[in-house]
Protein backbone atom coordinates (compact mmCIF):
# COMPACT_ATOMS: atom_id res chain seq x y z
CA MET A 1 0.23 -0.25 -18.49
CA ILE A 2 0.84 -0.56 -14.71
CA SER A 3 3.98 -2.03 -12.93
CA VAL A 4 2.73 -3.55 -9.44
CA VAL A 5 5.25 -3.16 -6.78
CA ILE A 6 4.29 -5.33 -3.70
CA PRO A 7 6.80 -5.25 -0.76
CA THR A 8 6.74 -8.67 1.00
CA LEU A 9 8.48 -10.22 4.01
CA ASN A 10 7.27 -13.70 5.00
CA ALA A 11 3.94 -12.29 2.92
CA GLY A 12 3.39 -15.86 1.53
CA GLU A 13 -0.27 -16.84 3.34
CA ARG A 14 -2.00 -14.12 1.81
CA LEU A 15 0.03 -13.60 -0.95
CA ALA A 16 -1.87 -15.64 -3.35
CA GLN A 17 -5.11 -13.97 -2.59
CA THR A 18 -2.78 -10.61 -3.74
CA PHE A 19 -2.14 -12.08 -7.11
CA ALA A 20 -5.41 -14.15 -7.65
CA ALA A 21 -7.15 -10.41 -7.46
CA LEU A 22 -4.19 -9.12 -10.58
CA VAL A 23 -5.07 -12.10 -12.96
CA PRO A 24 -7.92 -10.62 -15.30
CA ALA A 25 -6.07 -6.89 -15.19
CA THR A 26 -2.91 -8.61 -16.54
CA VAL A 27 -4.57 -11.06 -18.80
CA GLU A 28 -6.29 -7.86 -20.56
CA GLY A 29 -2.97 -6.10 -20.55
CA LEU A 30 -3.68 -3.04 -18.27
CA ILE A 31 -0.73 -4.60 -15.81
CA LYS A 32 2.73 -5.09 -17.72
CA GLU A 33 4.43 -6.74 -14.86
CA VAL A 34 4.37 -7.81 -10.72
CA ILE A 35 7.64 -6.70 -8.75
CA ILE A 36 7.64 -8.48 -5.39
CA SER A 37 10.69 -6.49 -3.43
CA ASP A 38 11.37 -9.02 -0.56
CA GLY A 39 13.19 -7.80 2.42
CA GLY A 40 14.07 -11.68 3.49
CA SER A 41 11.35 -13.86 3.18
CA GLU A 42 12.23 -17.07 4.92
CA ASP A 43 8.50 -18.91 4.36
CA GLU A 44 7.10 -19.91 0.72
CA THR A 45 6.54 -15.62 -0.96
CA LEU A 46 10.05 -16.24 -3.30
CA ALA A 47 8.95 -19.97 -4.23
CA MET A 48 5.39 -18.40 -4.98
CA ALA A 49 6.41 -15.46 -6.79
CA GLU A 50 8.41 -17.30 -8.65
CA ALA A 51 5.46 -19.49 -9.97
CA ALA A 52 3.25 -16.57 -10.51
CA GLY A 53 5.85 -15.13 -13.12
CA ALA A 54 6.84 -11.98 -11.04
CA ARG A 55 10.23 -10.37 -11.03
CA ILE A 56 11.90 -10.28 -7.62
CA VAL A 57 13.92 -7.46 -6.42
CA SER A 58 15.48 -8.28 -2.63
CA GLY A 59 17.58 -6.38 0.04
CA GLU A 60 16.88 -5.11 3.86
CA LYS A 61 13.74 -5.35 4.95
CA GLY A 62 11.77 -1.41 5.50
CA ARG A 63 8.83 -0.60 3.76
CA GLY A 64 9.59 2.37 2.58
CA GLY A 65 13.64 1.13 1.04
CA GLN A 66 11.86 -2.21 -0.61
CA LEU A 67 8.94 0.07 -2.18
CA ALA A 68 11.53 2.21 -3.52
CA ARG A 69 13.71 -0.50 -4.43
CA GLY A 70 10.54 -1.92 -6.51
CA ALA A 71 9.86 1.38 -8.20
CA GLU A 72 13.84 1.54 -9.67
CA ILE A 73 13.45 -1.77 -11.26
CA ALA A 74 9.87 -1.11 -12.55
CA ARG A 75 9.59 -0.45 -16.34
CA ALA A 76 5.78 0.96 -17.05
CA PRO A 77 4.47 4.69 -17.03
CA TRP A 78 2.27 3.92 -14.14
CA LEU A 79 3.17 2.72 -10.64
CA LEU A 80 0.87 0.48 -8.22
CA PHE A 81 2.14 0.08 -4.81
CA LEU A 82 0.22 -2.66 -2.97
CA HIS A 83 0.52 -4.63 0.35
CA ALA A 84 1.23 -7.89 0.47
CA ASP A 85 -2.29 -8.32 2.52
CA THR A 86 -4.13 -6.33 0.54
CA ARG A 87 -6.51 -7.85 -2.63
CA LEU A 88 -8.56 -4.97 -5.14
CA ASP A 89 -12.33 -5.87 -5.83
CA ALA A 90 -12.83 -6.77 -9.68
CA SER A 91 -14.21 -2.98 -10.40
CA TRP A 92 -10.31 -1.95 -9.63
CA ALA A 93 -9.39 -2.31 -13.63
CA GLU A 94 -12.14 -0.66 -14.80
CA GLU A 95 -12.17 2.86 -11.90
CA ALA A 96 -8.13 2.40 -13.35
CA ARG A 97 -8.21 2.67 -16.74
CA GLY A 98 -10.60 6.01 -16.89
CA PHE A 99 -8.22 7.45 -14.59
CA LEU A 100 -4.60 6.95 -16.41
CA ALA A 101 -5.17 9.52 -18.62
CA ASP A 102 -4.16 12.40 -15.96
CA GLU A 103 -0.40 11.79 -14.72
CA GLU A 104 -0.42 14.88 -12.50
CA LYS A 105 -2.96 12.93 -9.62
CA ALA A 106 -2.31 9.36 -7.79
CA GLY A 107 -5.27 7.39 -6.52
CA VAL A 108 -5.83 5.47 -3.13
CA PHE A 109 -8.76 2.75 -2.97
CA THR A 110 -11.51 2.28 -0.59
CA LEU A 111 -10.47 0.84 2.71
CA ALA A 112 -11.76 -2.61 4.20
CA PHE A 113 -11.02 -5.63 6.20
CA ASP A 114 -11.42 -9.04 5.52
CA SER A 115 -13.95 -9.72 8.05
CA ALA A 116 -17.23 -9.95 8.68
CA ARG A 117 -16.88 -8.20 12.50
CA TRP A 118 -18.93 -5.11 13.06
CA GLN A 119 -15.63 -3.88 14.71
CA ALA A 120 -13.75 -4.35 11.58
CA GLY A 121 -16.55 -2.20 9.25
CA LEU A 122 -16.69 1.02 12.04
CA VAL A 123 -12.60 0.95 11.80
CA ALA A 124 -12.81 1.13 7.62
CA ARG A 125 -15.78 3.66 7.84
CA GLY A 126 -13.77 5.81 10.08
CA ALA A 127 -10.18 5.07 8.18
CA MET A 128 -12.95 6.14 4.77
CA VAL A 129 -13.68 9.48 6.74
CA ARG A 130 -10.12 10.43 7.46
CA THR A 131 -9.31 9.86 3.98
CA HIS A 132 -11.90 11.98 2.09
CA LEU A 133 -11.88 14.93 5.31
CA PHE A 134 -8.52 15.01 5.71
CA ARG A 135 -6.67 13.19 2.38
CA ALA A 136 -4.35 11.24 5.17
CA PRO A 137 -5.15 7.86 3.40
CA TYR A 138 -2.49 4.39 4.71
CA GLY A 139 -0.90 2.01 2.77
CA ASP A 140 -3.23 -0.34 2.96
CA GLN A 141 -5.22 1.62 0.64
CA GLY A 142 -2.82 1.08 -2.48
CA LEU A 143 -1.04 3.93 -4.26
CA LEU A 144 -1.75 4.25 -8.00
CA ILE A 145 0.80 7.04 -9.34
CA SER A 146 1.88 7.72 -12.58
CA ARG A 147 6.11 7.02 -12.85
CA LYS A 148 5.94 10.76 -14.04
CA LEU A 149 4.47 12.16 -10.66
CA TYR A 150 6.45 9.36 -8.73
CA ALA A 151 9.56 11.19 -9.71
CA ASP A 152 8.38 14.61 -9.64
CA LEU A 153 7.80 13.37 -5.51
CA GLY A 154 10.97 12.12 -4.80
CA GLY A 155 9.72 8.58 -4.52
CA TYR A 156 9.49 6.76 -1.56
CA SER A 157 11.70 7.17 1.51
CA ALA A 158 13.77 4.65 3.02
CA MET A 159 11.64 4.17 6.44
CA PRO A 160 10.48 1.56 8.12
CA LEU A 161 7.23 2.94 9.13
CA PHE A 162 4.98 5.87 7.84
CA GLU A 163 6.65 5.93 4.24
CA ASP A 164 2.97 6.41 3.60
CA VAL A 165 1.89 9.37 4.86
CA GLU A 166 5.49 11.15 4.05
CA MET A 167 4.63 10.24 0.54
CA ILE A 168 1.37 11.67 0.60
CA ASP A 169 2.58 14.48 2.65
CA ARG A 170 4.24 15.67 -0.37
CA LEU A 171 1.76 15.37 -2.63
CA LEU A 172 -0.85 17.29 -1.07
CA ARG A 173 2.11 20.09 0.08
CA LYS A 174 3.22 19.77 -3.94
CA ARG A 175 0.02 19.47 -5.90
CA GLY A 176 -2.71 20.66 -3.60
CA ARG A 177 -5.82 18.46 -2.21
CA LYS A 178 -7.44 17.72 -5.65
CA ALA A 179 -4.39 15.30 -6.68
CA LEU A 180 -5.61 12.90 -4.46
CA HIS A 181 -8.16 11.04 -5.81
CA VAL A 182 -10.11 8.22 -3.96
CA PHE A 183 -11.57 5.52 -6.09
CA ARG A 184 -14.95 3.41 -4.93
CA SER A 185 -13.06 0.45 -5.79
CA ARG A 186 -12.19 -1.47 -2.96
CA ALA A 187 -8.61 -2.43 -1.23
CA VAL A 188 -10.12 -5.13 1.20
CA THR A 189 -6.90 -5.94 3.90
CA SER A 190 -6.05 -8.55 6.50
CA PRO A 191 -7.33 -7.37 9.75
CA GLU A 192 -5.02 -9.83 11.37
CA ARG A 193 -3.03 -7.26 13.26
CA TYR A 194 -6.29 -5.55 14.91
CA GLU A 195 -7.49 -8.93 15.98
CA ARG A 196 -4.92 -10.38 17.75
CA GLN A 197 -4.10 -6.88 19.55
CA GLY A 198 -7.90 -6.00 20.03
CA TYR A 199 -9.75 -3.53 17.74
CA ALA A 200 -10.04 -0.62 20.33
CA ALA A 201 -5.80 -1.05 21.27
CA ARG A 202 -4.91 -1.15 17.68
CA VAL A 203 -6.43 1.48 16.97
CA PHE A 204 -5.23 3.65 19.87
CA ARG A 205 -1.99 2.00 18.96
CA ASN A 206 -2.05 3.55 15.40
CA LEU A 207 -2.89 7.22 16.64
CA ALA A 208 -0.23 7.30 19.11
CA CYS A 209 2.45 6.40 16.29
CA LEU A 210 1.34 9.22 14.54
CA THR A 211 1.04 11.85 17.33
CA MET A 212 4.59 10.73 17.54
CA TYR A 213 5.48 10.89 14.22
CA ARG A 214 3.79 14.22 13.74
CA VAL A 215 5.77 15.80 16.33
CA GLY A 216 9.00 14.94 15.11
CA VAL A 217 9.75 11.45 16.53
CA SER A 218 11.43 9.32 13.96
CA PRO A 219 10.04 6.49 12.67
CA GLU A 220 13.18 4.23 13.83
CA LYS A 221 11.94 4.77 17.29
CA ILE A 222 8.36 4.49 16.76
CA VAL A 223 8.18 0.93 15.15
CA ASP A 224 8.72 -1.23 17.60
CA PHE A 225 5.56 0.27 19.95
CA TYR A 226 3.71 0.10 16.07
CA ASN A 227 4.71 -3.52 16.12
CA GLY A 228 3.55 -3.87 19.77
CA LYS A 229 6.69 -4.99 21.20
CA ARG A 230 6.50 -2.44 23.78
């Protein structure tokens, strides 16, 4: 069974879609619980979570810390980390069932954007080329991992961003490329940040932030630039 961990911060606008995509697997018994790890929402996020029967844990904002807090209270042997603005294809549960026999691998999903624009498709295809060639997915693609492997890797670090990159780096370093599986099922995520800032500008900003991280700039110094505040 799976514990789903979703970090939130004023995520009410899209959270209902994320929940809805998890209902069939919950009814079938694949999902044991959904955990909302909130970072101080002031909208309807927590009310929606309560109405959906989710467990709630609250603390300081920062996705890495929120993911770690959610994992701490999870009760299932498998963990599915999922962004609040991402919904999984209906086919994900069937793929996941065949994957749960191997506790030594982690899985991510195929990225897609909730947009018909050609720019969205191009960015998603580029992300999947990066995922397959370099084993470098982002958190938008979700992460399905056994509690055992998650603990062996040391769990998520309390970072304001790039907690997803840092986690996959540790997985590859300790277990090798074959430890990361890519599901065919899609993780359909919001294109809001790309459409607000422009696809080319957002891609450039993401690449610039990742480059800064790779050369040793701390995530705390990168986060404002990543969020478009400078």
